[in-house]
Amino acid sequence: VIHHIFNGSRNEIREQAVQFACEQLLKMLS
């Protein structure tokens, strides 16, 4: 479980969380 704080509007926070999760998962799978 990764805890992170994002900044921005509702949609920016949601979009950043998705991008961050993709990045983290790619690292975990490599």
mmCIF file of all heavy atoms, coordinates in Angstrom:
data_MODEL
# 
_entry.id   MODEL 
# 
loop_
_atom_site.group_PDB 
_atom_site.id 
_atom_site.type_symbol 
_atom_site.label_atom_id 
_atom_site.label_alt_id 
_atom_site.label_comp_id 
_atom_site.label_asym_id 
_atom_site.label_entity_id 
_atom_site.label_seq_id 
_atom_site.pdbx_PDB_ins_code 
_atom_site.Cartn_x 
_atom_site.Cartn_y 
_atom_site.Cartn_z 
_atom_site.occupancy 
_atom_site.B_iso_or_equiv 
_atom_site.pdbx_formal_charge 
_atom_site.auth_seq_id 
_atom_site.auth_comp_id 
_atom_site.auth_asym_id 
_atom_site.auth_atom_id 
_atom_site.pdbx_PDB_model_num 
ATOM 1   N N   . VAL A 1 1  ? 0.856   -1.187 0.000   1.00 0.00 ? 1  VAL A N   1 
ATOM 2   C CA  . VAL A 1 1  ? 0.000   0.000  0.000   1.00 0.00 ? 1  VAL A CA  1 
ATOM 3   C C   . VAL A 1 1  ? 0.889   1.232  0.000   1.00 0.00 ? 1  VAL A C   1 
ATOM 4   O O   . VAL A 1 1  ? 1.808   1.346  0.812   1.00 0.00 ? 1  VAL A O   1 
ATOM 5   C CB  . VAL A 1 1  ? -0.947  0.027  1.223   1.00 0.00 ? 1  VAL A CB  1 
ATOM 6   C CG1 . VAL A 1 1  ? -1.782  1.302  1.225   1.00 0.00 ? 1  VAL A CG1 1 
ATOM 7   C CG2 . VAL A 1 1  ? -1.850  -1.207 1.224   1.00 0.00 ? 1  VAL A CG2 1 
ATOM 8   N N   . ILE A 1 2  ? 0.611   2.111  -0.936  1.00 0.00 ? 2  ILE A N   1 
ATOM 9   C CA  . ILE A 1 2  ? 1.364   3.359  -1.041  1.00 0.00 ? 2  ILE A CA  1 
ATOM 10  C C   . ILE A 1 2  ? 0.433   4.519  -0.700  1.00 0.00 ? 2  ILE A C   1 
ATOM 11  O O   . ILE A 1 2  ? -0.678  4.605  -1.233  1.00 0.00 ? 2  ILE A O   1 
ATOM 12  C CB  . ILE A 1 2  ? 1.962   3.541  -2.449  1.00 0.00 ? 2  ILE A CB  1 
ATOM 13  C CG1 . ILE A 1 2  ? 2.962   2.415  -2.730  1.00 0.00 ? 2  ILE A CG1 1 
ATOM 14  C CG2 . ILE A 1 2  ? 2.628   4.920  -2.574  1.00 0.00 ? 2  ILE A CG2 1 
ATOM 15  C CD1 . ILE A 1 2  ? 3.557   2.439  -4.124  1.00 0.00 ? 2  ILE A CD1 1 
ATOM 16  N N   . HIS A 1 3  ? 0.915   5.384  0.171   1.00 0.00 ? 3  HIS A N   1 
ATOM 17  C CA  . HIS A 1 3  ? 0.188   6.596  0.569   1.00 0.00 ? 3  HIS A CA  1 
ATOM 18  C C   . HIS A 1 3  ? 0.836   7.762  -0.156  1.00 0.00 ? 3  HIS A C   1 
ATOM 19  O O   . HIS A 1 3  ? 2.066   7.883  -0.178  1.00 0.00 ? 3  HIS A O   1 
ATOM 20  C CB  . HIS A 1 3  ? 0.307   6.762  2.087   1.00 0.00 ? 3  HIS A CB  1 
ATOM 21  C CG  . HIS A 1 3  ? -0.258  8.036  2.600   1.00 0.00 ? 3  HIS A CG  1 
ATOM 22  N ND1 . HIS A 1 3  ? 0.532   9.051  3.078   1.00 0.00 ? 3  HIS A ND1 1 
ATOM 23  C CD2 . HIS A 1 3  ? -1.530  8.468  2.713   1.00 0.00 ? 3  HIS A CD2 1 
ATOM 24  C CE1 . HIS A 1 3  ? -0.237  10.051 3.484   1.00 0.00 ? 3  HIS A CE1 1 
ATOM 25  N NE2 . HIS A 1 3  ? -1.498  9.719  3.254   1.00 0.00 ? 3  HIS A NE2 1 
ATOM 26  N N   . HIS A 1 4  ? 0.008   8.605  -0.773  1.00 0.00 ? 4  HIS A N   1 
ATOM 27  C CA  . HIS A 1 4  ? 0.553   9.745  -1.509  1.00 0.00 ? 4  HIS A CA  1 
ATOM 28  C C   . HIS A 1 4  ? -0.424  10.908 -1.409  1.00 0.00 ? 4  HIS A C   1 
ATOM 29  O O   . HIS A 1 4  ? -1.634  10.692 -1.321  1.00 0.00 ? 4  HIS A O   1 
ATOM 30  C CB  . HIS A 1 4  ? 0.782   9.370  -2.971  1.00 0.00 ? 4  HIS A CB  1 
ATOM 31  C CG  . HIS A 1 4  ? 1.663   10.328 -3.706  1.00 0.00 ? 4  HIS A CG  1 
ATOM 32  N ND1 . HIS A 1 4  ? 3.038   10.268 -3.650  1.00 0.00 ? 4  HIS A ND1 1 
ATOM 33  C CD2 . HIS A 1 4  ? 1.368   11.370 -4.496  1.00 0.00 ? 4  HIS A CD2 1 
ATOM 34  C CE1 . HIS A 1 4  ? 3.538   11.235 -4.387  1.00 0.00 ? 4  HIS A CE1 1 
ATOM 35  N NE2 . HIS A 1 4  ? 2.555   11.920 -4.909  1.00 0.00 ? 4  HIS A NE2 1 
ATOM 36  N N   . ILE A 1 5  ? 0.106   12.114 -1.442  1.00 0.00 ? 5  ILE A N   1 
ATOM 37  C CA  . ILE A 1 5  ? -0.750  13.301 -1.437  1.00 0.00 ? 5  ILE A CA  1 
ATOM 38  C C   . ILE A 1 5  ? -0.565  14.025 -2.771  1.00 0.00 ? 5  ILE A C   1 
ATOM 39  O O   . ILE A 1 5  ? 0.558   14.354 -3.163  1.00 0.00 ? 5  ILE A O   1 
ATOM 40  C CB  . ILE A 1 5  ? -0.433  14.224 -0.248  1.00 0.00 ? 5  ILE A CB  1 
ATOM 41  C CG1 . ILE A 1 5  ? -0.727  13.471 1.052   1.00 0.00 ? 5  ILE A CG1 1 
ATOM 42  C CG2 . ILE A 1 5  ? -1.250  15.511 -0.333  1.00 0.00 ? 5  ILE A CG2 1 
ATOM 43  C CD1 . ILE A 1 5  ? -0.384  14.196 2.317   1.00 0.00 ? 5  ILE A CD1 1 
ATOM 44  N N   . PHE A 1 6  ? -1.682  14.218 -3.458  1.00 0.00 ? 6  PHE A N   1 
ATOM 45  C CA  . PHE A 1 6  ? -1.699  14.902 -4.750  1.00 0.00 ? 6  PHE A CA  1 
ATOM 46  C C   . PHE A 1 6  ? -2.321  16.277 -4.581  1.00 0.00 ? 6  PHE A C   1 
ATOM 47  O O   . PHE A 1 6  ? -3.097  16.506 -3.649  1.00 0.00 ? 6  PHE A O   1 
ATOM 48  C CB  . PHE A 1 6  ? -2.510  14.092 -5.773  1.00 0.00 ? 6  PHE A CB  1 
ATOM 49  C CG  . PHE A 1 6  ? -1.958  12.716 -6.016  1.00 0.00 ? 6  PHE A CG  1 
ATOM 50  C CD1 . PHE A 1 6  ? -2.499  11.610 -5.377  1.00 0.00 ? 6  PHE A CD1 1 
ATOM 51  C CD2 . PHE A 1 6  ? -0.894  12.522 -6.881  1.00 0.00 ? 6  PHE A CD2 1 
ATOM 52  C CE1 . PHE A 1 6  ? -1.987  10.342 -5.590  1.00 0.00 ? 6  PHE A CE1 1 
ATOM 53  C CE2 . PHE A 1 6  ? -0.366  11.255 -7.105  1.00 0.00 ? 6  PHE A CE2 1 
ATOM 54  C CZ  . PHE A 1 6  ? -0.917  10.161 -6.460  1.00 0.00 ? 6  PHE A CZ  1 
ATOM 55  N N   . ASN A 1 7  ? -2.019  17.177 -5.495  1.00 0.00 ? 7  ASN A N   1 
ATOM 56  C CA  . ASN A 1 7  ? -2.576  18.532 -5.467  1.00 0.00 ? 7  ASN A CA  1 
ATOM 57  C C   . ASN A 1 7  ? -3.358  18.794 -6.743  1.00 0.00 ? 7  ASN A C   1 
ATOM 58  O O   . ASN A 1 7  ? -3.040  18.242 -7.789  1.00 0.00 ? 7  ASN A O   1 
ATOM 59  C CB  . ASN A 1 7  ? -1.449  19.570 -5.342  1.00 0.00 ? 7  ASN A CB  1 
ATOM 60  C CG  . ASN A 1 7  ? -0.719  19.448 -4.040  1.00 0.00 ? 7  ASN A CG  1 
ATOM 61  O OD1 . ASN A 1 7  ? -1.322  19.535 -2.975  1.00 0.00 ? 7  ASN A OD1 1 
ATOM 62  N ND2 . ASN A 1 7  ? 0.581   19.219 -4.098  1.00 0.00 ? 7  ASN A ND2 1 
ATOM 63  N N   . GLY A 1 8  ? -4.355  19.658 -6.627  1.00 0.00 ? 8  GLY A N   1 
ATOM 64  C CA  . GLY A 1 8  ? -5.119  20.055 -7.799  1.00 0.00 ? 8  GLY A CA  1 
ATOM 65  C C   . GLY A 1 8  ? -6.612  19.927 -7.571  1.00 0.00 ? 8  GLY A C   1 
ATOM 66  O O   . GLY A 1 8  ? -7.072  19.748 -6.438  1.00 0.00 ? 8  GLY A O   1 
ATOM 67  N N   . SER A 1 9  ? -7.342  20.001 -8.669  1.00 0.00 ? 9  SER A N   1 
ATOM 68  C CA  . SER A 1 9  ? -8.794  19.856 -8.618  1.00 0.00 ? 9  SER A CA  1 
ATOM 69  C C   . SER A 1 9  ? -9.154  18.384 -8.399  1.00 0.00 ? 9  SER A C   1 
ATOM 70  O O   . SER A 1 9  ? -8.283  17.515 -8.459  1.00 0.00 ? 9  SER A O   1 
ATOM 71  C CB  . SER A 1 9  ? -9.410  20.337 -9.936  1.00 0.00 ? 9  SER A CB  1 
ATOM 72  O OG  . SER A 1 9  ? -9.052  19.438 -10.984 1.00 0.00 ? 9  SER A OG  1 
ATOM 73  N N   . ARG A 1 10 ? -10.441 18.119 -8.180  1.00 0.00 ? 10 ARG A N   1 
ATOM 74  C CA  . ARG A 1 10 ? -10.910 16.732 -8.030  1.00 0.00 ? 10 ARG A CA  1 
ATOM 75  C C   . ARG A 1 10 ? -10.409 15.842 -9.162  1.00 0.00 ? 10 ARG A C   1 
ATOM 76  O O   . ARG A 1 10 ? -9.836  14.777 -8.939  1.00 0.00 ? 10 ARG A O   1 
ATOM 77  C CB  . ARG A 1 10 ? -12.447 16.691 -8.048  1.00 0.00 ? 10 ARG A CB  1 
ATOM 78  C CG  . ARG A 1 10 ? -13.126 16.882 -6.758  1.00 0.00 ? 10 ARG A CG  1 
ATOM 79  C CD  . ARG A 1 10 ? -14.641 16.746 -6.922  1.00 0.00 ? 10 ARG A CD  1 
ATOM 80  N NE  . ARG A 1 10 ? -15.086 15.367 -7.041  1.00 0.00 ? 10 ARG A NE  1 
ATOM 81  C CZ  . ARG A 1 10 ? -15.145 14.501 -6.039  1.00 0.00 ? 10 ARG A CZ  1 
ATOM 82  N NH1 . ARG A 1 10 ? -14.770 14.855 -4.837  1.00 0.00 ? 10 ARG A NH1 1 
ATOM 83  N NH2 . ARG A 1 10 ? -15.569 13.272 -6.241  1.00 0.00 ? 10 ARG A NH2 1 
ATOM 84  N N   . ASN A 1 11 ? -10.649 16.281 -10.383 1.00 0.00 ? 11 ASN A N   1 
ATOM 85  C CA  . ASN A 1 11 ? -10.265 15.455 -11.524 1.00 0.00 ? 11 ASN A CA  1 
ATOM 86  C C   . ASN A 1 11 ? -8.759  15.355 -11.692 1.00 0.00 ? 11 ASN A C   1 
ATOM 87  O O   . ASN A 1 11 ? -8.255  14.305 -12.092 1.00 0.00 ? 11 ASN A O   1 
ATOM 88  C CB  . ASN A 1 11 ? -10.950 15.942 -12.800 1.00 0.00 ? 11 ASN A CB  1 
ATOM 89  C CG  . ASN A 1 11 ? -12.407 15.537 -12.829 1.00 0.00 ? 11 ASN A CG  1 
ATOM 90  O OD1 . ASN A 1 11 ? -12.804 14.553 -12.210 1.00 0.00 ? 11 ASN A OD1 1 
ATOM 91  N ND2 . ASN A 1 11 ? -13.212 16.299 -13.521 1.00 0.00 ? 11 ASN A ND2 1 
ATOM 92  N N   . GLU A 1 12 ? -8.052  16.413 -11.371 1.00 0.00 ? 12 GLU A N   1 
ATOM 93  C CA  . GLU A 1 12 ? -6.584  16.348 -11.448 1.00 0.00 ? 12 GLU A CA  1 
ATOM 94  C C   . GLU A 1 12 ? -6.040  15.351 -10.431 1.00 0.00 ? 12 GLU A C   1 
ATOM 95  O O   . GLU A 1 12 ? -5.122  14.578 -10.743 1.00 0.00 ? 12 GLU A O   1 
ATOM 96  C CB  . GLU A 1 12 ? -5.974  17.730 -11.214 1.00 0.00 ? 12 GLU A CB  1 
ATOM 97  C CG  . GLU A 1 12 ? -6.181  18.684 -12.374 1.00 0.00 ? 12 GLU A CG  1 
ATOM 98  C CD  . GLU A 1 12 ? -5.825  20.126 -12.058 1.00 0.00 ? 12 GLU A CD  1 
ATOM 99  O OE1 . GLU A 1 12 ? -5.761  20.501 -10.864 1.00 0.00 ? 12 GLU A OE1 1 
ATOM 100 O OE2 . GLU A 1 12 ? -5.609  20.894 -13.019 1.00 0.00 ? 12 GLU A OE2 1 
ATOM 101 N N   . ILE A 1 13 ? -6.595  15.328 -9.239  1.00 0.00 ? 13 ILE A N   1 
ATOM 102 C CA  . ILE A 1 13 ? -6.172  14.372 -8.207  1.00 0.00 ? 13 ILE A CA  1 
ATOM 103 C C   . ILE A 1 13 ? -6.434  12.947 -8.680  1.00 0.00 ? 13 ILE A C   1 
ATOM 104 O O   . ILE A 1 13 ? -5.569  12.073 -8.579  1.00 0.00 ? 13 ILE A O   1 
ATOM 105 C CB  . ILE A 1 13 ? -6.870  14.664 -6.862  1.00 0.00 ? 13 ILE A CB  1 
ATOM 106 C CG1 . ILE A 1 13 ? -6.312  15.970 -6.276  1.00 0.00 ? 13 ILE A CG1 1 
ATOM 107 C CG2 . ILE A 1 13 ? -6.724  13.501 -5.891  1.00 0.00 ? 13 ILE A CG2 1 
ATOM 108 C CD1 . ILE A 1 13 ? -7.131  16.550 -5.137  1.00 0.00 ? 13 ILE A CD1 1 
ATOM 109 N N   . ARG A 1 14 ? -7.610  12.704 -9.225  1.00 0.00 ? 14 ARG A N   1 
ATOM 110 C CA  . ARG A 1 14 ? -7.958  11.367 -9.719  1.00 0.00 ? 14 ARG A CA  1 
ATOM 111 C C   . ARG A 1 14 ? -7.031  10.943 -10.857 1.00 0.00 ? 14 ARG A C   1 
ATOM 112 O O   . ARG A 1 14 ? -6.527  9.814  -10.879 1.00 0.00 ? 14 ARG A O   1 
ATOM 113 C CB  . ARG A 1 14 ? -9.426  11.353 -10.171 1.00 0.00 ? 14 ARG A CB  1 
ATOM 114 C CG  . ARG A 1 14 ? -10.397 11.534 -9.016  1.00 0.00 ? 14 ARG A CG  1 
ATOM 115 C CD  . ARG A 1 14 ? -11.846 11.737 -9.481  1.00 0.00 ? 14 ARG A CD  1 
ATOM 116 N NE  . ARG A 1 14 ? -12.320 10.576 -10.203 1.00 0.00 ? 14 ARG A NE  1 
ATOM 117 C CZ  . ARG A 1 14 ? -12.786 10.603 -11.465 1.00 0.00 ? 14 ARG A CZ  1 
ATOM 118 N NH1 . ARG A 1 14 ? -12.861 11.734 -12.136 1.00 0.00 ? 14 ARG A NH1 1 
ATOM 119 N NH2 . ARG A 1 14 ? -13.189 9.482  -12.041 1.00 0.00 ? 14 ARG A NH2 1 
ATOM 120 N N   . GLU A 1 15 ? -6.787  11.846 -11.806 1.00 0.00 ? 15 GLU A N   1 
ATOM 121 C CA  . GLU A 1 15 ? -5.914  11.535 -12.939 1.00 0.00 ? 15 GLU A CA  1 
ATOM 122 C C   . GLU A 1 15 ? -4.477  11.285 -12.480 1.00 0.00 ? 15 GLU A C   1 
ATOM 123 O O   . GLU A 1 15 ? -3.808  10.368 -12.968 1.00 0.00 ? 15 GLU A O   1 
ATOM 124 C CB  . GLU A 1 15 ? -5.963  12.665 -13.967 1.00 0.00 ? 15 GLU A CB  1 
ATOM 125 C CG  . GLU A 1 15 ? -7.287  12.722 -14.708 1.00 0.00 ? 15 GLU A CG  1 
ATOM 126 C CD  . GLU A 1 15 ? -7.493  14.012 -15.492 1.00 0.00 ? 15 GLU A CD  1 
ATOM 127 O OE1 . GLU A 1 15 ? -6.591  14.895 -15.491 1.00 0.00 ? 15 GLU A OE1 1 
ATOM 128 O OE2 . GLU A 1 15 ? -8.568  14.134 -16.110 1.00 0.00 ? 15 GLU A OE2 1 
ATOM 129 N N   . GLN A 1 16 ? -3.996  12.102 -11.543 1.00 0.00 ? 16 GLN A N   1 
ATOM 130 C CA  . GLN A 1 16 ? -2.640  11.920 -11.019 1.00 0.00 ? 16 GLN A CA  1 
ATOM 131 C C   . GLN A 1 16 ? -2.516  10.574 -10.300 1.00 0.00 ? 16 GLN A C   1 
ATOM 132 O O   . GLN A 1 16 ? -1.485  9.895  -10.414 1.00 0.00 ? 16 GLN A O   1 
ATOM 133 C CB  . GLN A 1 16 ? -2.283  13.046 -10.054 1.00 0.00 ? 16 GLN A CB  1 
ATOM 134 C CG  . GLN A 1 16 ? -2.062  14.386 -10.717 1.00 0.00 ? 16 GLN A CG  1 
ATOM 135 C CD  . GLN A 1 16 ? -1.920  15.490 -9.682  1.00 0.00 ? 16 GLN A CD  1 
ATOM 136 O OE1 . GLN A 1 16 ? -1.135  15.386 -8.749  1.00 0.00 ? 16 GLN A OE1 1 
ATOM 137 N NE2 . GLN A 1 16 ? -2.687  16.558 -9.852  1.00 0.00 ? 16 GLN A NE2 1 
ATOM 138 N N   . ALA A 1 17 ? -3.544  10.190 -9.554  1.00 0.00 ? 17 ALA A N   1 
ATOM 139 C CA  . ALA A 1 17 ? -3.512  8.915  -8.844  1.00 0.00 ? 17 ALA A CA  1 
ATOM 140 C C   . ALA A 1 17 ? -3.415  7.748  -9.831  1.00 0.00 ? 17 ALA A C   1 
ATOM 141 O O   . ALA A 1 17 ? -2.652  6.803  -9.613  1.00 0.00 ? 17 ALA A O   1 
ATOM 142 C CB  . ALA A 1 17 ? -4.750  8.768  -7.958  1.00 0.00 ? 17 ALA A CB  1 
ATOM 143 N N   . VAL A 1 18 ? -4.165  7.816  -10.912 1.00 0.00 ? 18 VAL A N   1 
ATOM 144 C CA  . VAL A 1 18 ? -4.116  6.760  -11.925 1.00 0.00 ? 18 VAL A CA  1 
ATOM 145 C C   . VAL A 1 18 ? -2.738  6.687  -12.567 1.00 0.00 ? 18 VAL A C   1 
ATOM 146 O O   . VAL A 1 18 ? -2.154  5.601  -12.694 1.00 0.00 ? 18 VAL A O   1 
ATOM 147 C CB  . VAL A 1 18 ? -5.222  6.978  -12.984 1.00 0.00 ? 18 VAL A CB  1 
ATOM 148 C CG1 . VAL A 1 18 ? -4.999  6.087  -14.204 1.00 0.00 ? 18 VAL A CG1 1 
ATOM 149 C CG2 . VAL A 1 18 ? -6.599  6.724  -12.375 1.00 0.00 ? 18 VAL A CG2 1 
ATOM 150 N N   . GLN A 1 19 ? -2.183  7.820  -12.953 1.00 0.00 ? 19 GLN A N   1 
ATOM 151 C CA  . GLN A 1 19 ? -0.858  7.832  -13.579 1.00 0.00 ? 19 GLN A CA  1 
ATOM 152 C C   . GLN A 1 19 ? 0.209   7.319  -12.607 1.00 0.00 ? 19 GLN A C   1 
ATOM 153 O O   . GLN A 1 19 ? 1.080   6.537  -12.984 1.00 0.00 ? 19 GLN A O   1 
ATOM 154 C CB  . GLN A 1 19 ? -0.514  9.239  -14.072 1.00 0.00 ? 19 GLN A CB  1 
ATOM 155 C CG  . GLN A 1 19 ? -1.359  9.686  -15.242 1.00 0.00 ? 19 GLN A CG  1 
ATOM 156 C CD  . GLN A 1 19 ? -1.229  8.781  -16.458 1.00 0.00 ? 19 GLN A CD  1 
ATOM 157 O OE1 . GLN A 1 19 ? -0.143  8.539  -16.967 1.00 0.00 ? 19 GLN A OE1 1 
ATOM 158 N NE2 . GLN A 1 19 ? -2.358  8.248  -16.922 1.00 0.00 ? 19 GLN A NE2 1 
ATOM 159 N N   . PHE A 1 20 ? 0.130   7.766  -11.359 1.00 0.00 ? 20 PHE A N   1 
ATOM 160 C CA  . PHE A 1 20 ? 1.079   7.329  -10.333 1.00 0.00 ? 20 PHE A CA  1 
ATOM 161 C C   . PHE A 1 20 ? 0.993   5.820  -10.139 1.00 0.00 ? 20 PHE A C   1 
ATOM 162 O O   . PHE A 1 20 ? 2.014   5.137  -10.054 1.00 0.00 ? 20 PHE A O   1 
ATOM 163 C CB  . PHE A 1 20 ? 0.782   8.070  -9.023  1.00 0.00 ? 20 PHE A CB  1 
ATOM 164 C CG  . PHE A 1 20 ? 1.742   7.766  -7.917  1.00 0.00 ? 20 PHE A CG  1 
ATOM 165 C CD1 . PHE A 1 20 ? 2.927   8.471  -7.800  1.00 0.00 ? 20 PHE A CD1 1 
ATOM 166 C CD2 . PHE A 1 20 ? 1.456   6.798  -6.969  1.00 0.00 ? 20 PHE A CD2 1 
ATOM 167 C CE1 . PHE A 1 20 ? 3.819   8.201  -6.758  1.00 0.00 ? 20 PHE A CE1 1 
ATOM 168 C CE2 . PHE A 1 20 ? 2.333   6.517  -5.937  1.00 0.00 ? 20 PHE A CE2 1 
ATOM 169 C CZ  . PHE A 1 20 ? 3.526   7.217  -5.830  1.00 0.00 ? 20 PHE A CZ  1 
ATOM 170 N N   . ALA A 1 21 ? -0.227  5.289  -10.091 1.00 0.00 ? 21 ALA A N   1 
ATOM 171 C CA  . ALA A 1 21 ? -0.412  3.848  -9.903  1.00 0.00 ? 21 ALA A CA  1 
ATOM 172 C C   . ALA A 1 21 ? 0.167   3.067  -11.087 1.00 0.00 ? 21 ALA A C   1 
ATOM 173 O O   . ALA A 1 21 ? 0.801   2.026  -10.890 1.00 0.00 ? 21 ALA A O   1 
ATOM 174 C CB  . ALA A 1 21 ? -1.886  3.526  -9.711  1.00 0.00 ? 21 ALA A CB  1 
ATOM 175 N N   . CYS A 1 22 ? -0.039  3.558  -12.287 1.00 0.00 ? 22 CYS A N   1 
ATOM 176 C CA  . CYS A 1 22 ? 0.537   2.898  -13.467 1.00 0.00 ? 22 CYS A CA  1 
ATOM 177 C C   . CYS A 1 22 ? 2.064   2.857  -13.372 1.00 0.00 ? 22 CYS A C   1 
ATOM 178 O O   . CYS A 1 22 ? 2.687   1.830  -13.627 1.00 0.00 ? 22 CYS A O   1 
ATOM 179 C CB  . CYS A 1 22 ? 0.096   3.608  -14.749 1.00 0.00 ? 22 CYS A CB  1 
ATOM 180 S SG  . CYS A 1 22 ? -1.624  3.356  -15.217 1.00 0.00 ? 22 CYS A SG  1 
ATOM 181 N N   . GLU A 1 23 ? 2.655   3.981  -12.983 1.00 0.00 ? 23 GLU A N   1 
ATOM 182 C CA  . GLU A 1 23 ? 4.117   4.060  -12.834 1.00 0.00 ? 23 GLU A CA  1 
ATOM 183 C C   . GLU A 1 23 ? 4.615   3.080  -11.778 1.00 0.00 ? 23 GLU A C   1 
ATOM 184 O O   . GLU A 1 23 ? 5.596   2.358  -11.990 1.00 0.00 ? 23 GLU A O   1 
ATOM 185 C CB  . GLU A 1 23 ? 4.539   5.481  -12.453 1.00 0.00 ? 23 GLU A CB  1 
ATOM 186 C CG  . GLU A 1 23 ? 4.330   6.495  -13.552 1.00 0.00 ? 23 GLU A CG  1 
ATOM 187 C CD  . GLU A 1 23 ? 4.436   7.931  -13.053 1.00 0.00 ? 23 GLU A CD  1 
ATOM 188 O OE1 . GLU A 1 23 ? 4.810   8.167  -11.878 1.00 0.00 ? 23 GLU A OE1 1 
ATOM 189 O OE2 . GLU A 1 23 ? 4.124   8.844  -13.844 1.00 0.00 ? 23 GLU A OE2 1 
ATOM 190 N N   . GLN A 1 24 ? 3.949   3.073  -10.620 1.00 0.00 ? 24 GLN A N   1 
ATOM 191 C CA  . GLN A 1 24 ? 4.379   2.193  -9.529  1.00 0.00 ? 24 GLN A CA  1 
ATOM 192 C C   . GLN A 1 24 ? 4.245   0.723  -9.920  1.00 0.00 ? 24 GLN A C   1 
ATOM 193 O O   . GLN A 1 24 ? 5.131   -0.084 -9.646  1.00 0.00 ? 24 GLN A O   1 
ATOM 194 C CB  . GLN A 1 24 ? 3.558   2.478  -8.257  1.00 0.00 ? 24 GLN A CB  1 
ATOM 195 C CG  . GLN A 1 24 ? 3.794   3.845  -7.677  1.00 0.00 ? 24 GLN A CG  1 
ATOM 196 C CD  . GLN A 1 24 ? 5.251   4.127  -7.392  1.00 0.00 ? 24 GLN A CD  1 
ATOM 197 O OE1 . GLN A 1 24 ? 5.936   3.359  -6.734  1.00 0.00 ? 24 GLN A OE1 1 
ATOM 198 N NE2 . GLN A 1 24 ? 5.753   5.235  -7.915  1.00 0.00 ? 24 GLN A NE2 1 
ATOM 199 N N   . LEU A 1 25 ? 3.140   0.386  -10.552 1.00 0.00 ? 25 LEU A N   1 
ATOM 200 C CA  . LEU A 1 25 ? 2.896   -0.991 -10.939 1.00 0.00 ? 25 LEU A CA  1 
ATOM 201 C C   . LEU A 1 25 ? 3.913   -1.443 -11.994 1.00 0.00 ? 25 LEU A C   1 
ATOM 202 O O   . LEU A 1 25 ? 4.433   -2.575 -11.928 1.00 0.00 ? 25 LEU A O   1 
ATOM 203 C CB  . LEU A 1 25 ? 1.475   -1.148 -11.465 1.00 0.00 ? 25 LEU A CB  1 
ATOM 204 C CG  . LEU A 1 25 ? 0.969   -2.563 -11.663 1.00 0.00 ? 25 LEU A CG  1 
ATOM 205 C CD1 . LEU A 1 25 ? 1.198   -3.419 -10.428 1.00 0.00 ? 25 LEU A CD1 1 
ATOM 206 C CD2 . LEU A 1 25 ? -0.493  -2.531 -12.020 1.00 0.00 ? 25 LEU A CD2 1 
ATOM 207 N N   . LEU A 1 26 ? 4.233   -0.576 -12.917 1.00 0.00 ? 26 LEU A N   1 
ATOM 208 C CA  . LEU A 1 26 ? 5.249   -0.904 -13.924 1.00 0.00 ? 26 LEU A CA  1 
ATOM 209 C C   . LEU A 1 26 ? 6.592   -1.199 -13.264 1.00 0.00 ? 26 LEU A C   1 
ATOM 210 O O   . LEU A 1 26 ? 7.280   -2.170 -13.621 1.00 0.00 ? 26 LEU A O   1 
ATOM 211 C CB  . LEU A 1 26 ? 5.362   0.240  -14.925 1.00 0.00 ? 26 LEU A CB  1 
ATOM 212 C CG  . LEU A 1 26 ? 6.163   -0.042 -16.203 1.00 0.00 ? 26 LEU A CG  1 
ATOM 213 C CD1 . LEU A 1 26 ? 5.617   -1.252 -16.958 1.00 0.00 ? 26 LEU A CD1 1 
ATOM 214 C CD2 . LEU A 1 26 ? 6.141   1.193  -17.094 1.00 0.00 ? 26 LEU A CD2 1 
ATOM 215 N N   . LYS A 1 27 ? 6.957   -0.400 -12.263 1.00 0.00 ? 27 LYS A N   1 
ATOM 216 C CA  . LYS A 1 27 ? 8.202   -0.650 -11.516 1.00 0.00 ? 27 LYS A CA  1 
ATOM 217 C C   . LYS A 1 27 ? 8.140   -1.997 -10.800 1.00 0.00 ? 27 LYS A C   1 
ATOM 218 O O   . LYS A 1 27 ? 9.111   -2.758 -10.798 1.00 0.00 ? 27 LYS A O   1 
ATOM 219 C CB  . LYS A 1 27 ? 8.437   0.441  -10.482 1.00 0.00 ? 27 LYS A CB  1 
ATOM 220 C CG  . LYS A 1 27 ? 8.886   1.761  -11.045 1.00 0.00 ? 27 LYS A CG  1 
ATOM 221 C CD  . LYS A 1 27 ? 9.065   2.778  -9.925  1.00 0.00 ? 27 LYS A CD  1 
ATOM 222 C CE  . LYS A 1 27 ? 9.189   4.183  -10.466 1.00 0.00 ? 27 LYS A CE  1 
ATOM 223 N NZ  . LYS A 1 27 ? 9.170   5.192  -9.401  1.00 0.00 ? 27 LYS A NZ  1 
ATOM 224 N N   . MET A 1 28 ? 7.004   -2.297 -10.170 1.00 0.00 ? 28 MET A N   1 
ATOM 225 C CA  . MET A 1 28 ? 6.861   -3.551 -9.430  1.00 0.00 ? 28 MET A CA  1 
ATOM 226 C C   . MET A 1 28 ? 6.952   -4.769 -10.332 1.00 0.00 ? 28 MET A C   1 
ATOM 227 O O   . MET A 1 28 ? 7.424   -5.823 -9.905  1.00 0.00 ? 28 MET A O   1 
ATOM 228 C CB  . MET A 1 28 ? 5.521   -3.562 -8.684  1.00 0.00 ? 28 MET A CB  1 
ATOM 229 C CG  . MET A 1 28 ? 5.447   -2.599 -7.541  1.00 0.00 ? 28 MET A CG  1 
ATOM 230 S SD  . MET A 1 28 ? 3.767   -2.593 -6.833  1.00 0.00 ? 28 MET A SD  1 
ATOM 231 C CE  . MET A 1 28 ? 3.864   -1.165 -5.777  1.00 0.00 ? 28 MET A CE  1 
ATOM 232 N N   . LEU A 1 29 ? 6.495   -4.635 -11.557 1.00 0.00 ? 29 LEU A N   1 
ATOM 233 C CA  . LEU A 1 29 ? 6.473   -5.766 -12.483 1.00 0.00 ? 29 LEU A CA  1 
ATOM 234 C C   . LEU A 1 29 ? 7.785   -5.934 -13.250 1.00 0.00 ? 29 LEU A C   1 
ATOM 235 O O   . LEU A 1 29 ? 8.004   -6.959 -13.899 1.00 0.00 ? 29 LEU A O   1 
ATOM 236 C CB  . LEU A 1 29 ? 5.324   -5.608 -13.489 1.00 0.00 ? 29 LEU A CB  1 
ATOM 237 C CG  . LEU A 1 29 ? 3.923   -5.687 -12.883 1.00 0.00 ? 29 LEU A CG  1 
ATOM 238 C CD1 . LEU A 1 29 ? 2.887   -5.309 -13.928 1.00 0.00 ? 29 LEU A CD1 1 
ATOM 239 C CD2 . LEU A 1 29 ? 3.638   -7.058 -12.307 1.00 0.00 ? 29 LEU A CD2 1 
ATOM 240 N N   . SER A 1 30 ? 8.661   -4.918 -13.181 1.00 0.00 ? 30 SER A N   1 
ATOM 241 C CA  . SER A 1 30 ? 9.914   -4.975 -13.953 1.00 0.00 ? 30 SER A CA  1 
ATOM 242 C C   . SER A 1 30 ? 11.019  -5.686 -13.189 1.00 0.00 ? 30 SER A C   1 
ATOM 243 O O   . SER A 1 30 ? 10.980  -5.870 -12.026 1.00 0.00 ? 30 SER A O   1 
ATOM 244 C CB  . SER A 1 30 ? 10.366  -3.561 -14.307 1.00 0.00 ? 30 SER A CB  1 
ATOM 245 O OG  . SER A 1 30 ? 9.436   -3.006 -15.205 1.00 0.00 ? 30 SER A OG  1 
# 
